Amino acid sequence: MISLDWICGQCAFIYAFNKIKPAVIVDKLIEAVVDVLVPGKGAGESNWFWRNLRSLERDSDRISKELDIRQELRNWDREFPFFHHELIVRYAAGFLASAVAVAAFGQVRSLFSSSKRSRY
């Protein structure tokens, strides 16, 4: 027998899988990874020349790291065409939406079932 929470989870998965924009999420993830991997401000920034020079170095490091990550993603897609990185993002969003929908449905159902029991 198919339960209502299973149907709710499946509907949430399908909706999230189709509505998600993986390119936006991948861009945000790459931005976050680059922020972690590229060091921030360091020593030697006492005057405007060194601050601007360090800023240029940091920006070039960020761009280089981002291009490396994107190249690795392209290599992954060529090596595993059946498991494209955007498909992974879609599945992850679908599973997350399904889990949240099932948990929310269970909470709402328990609220209504416990309120019925407390009346009698």
Foldseek 3Di string as FASTA:
>chain_A
DDDPLNVQLVVQLVVLLVPDDLVVVVVVVLVVVLPVPQDDDDPDPPDDVSVVVVVVVSVVSSVVSSVVVVVVLVVVCVVCVVCRPSSVVSNVRSNVRSVVRSVVVVVVVVVVVVVVVVVD
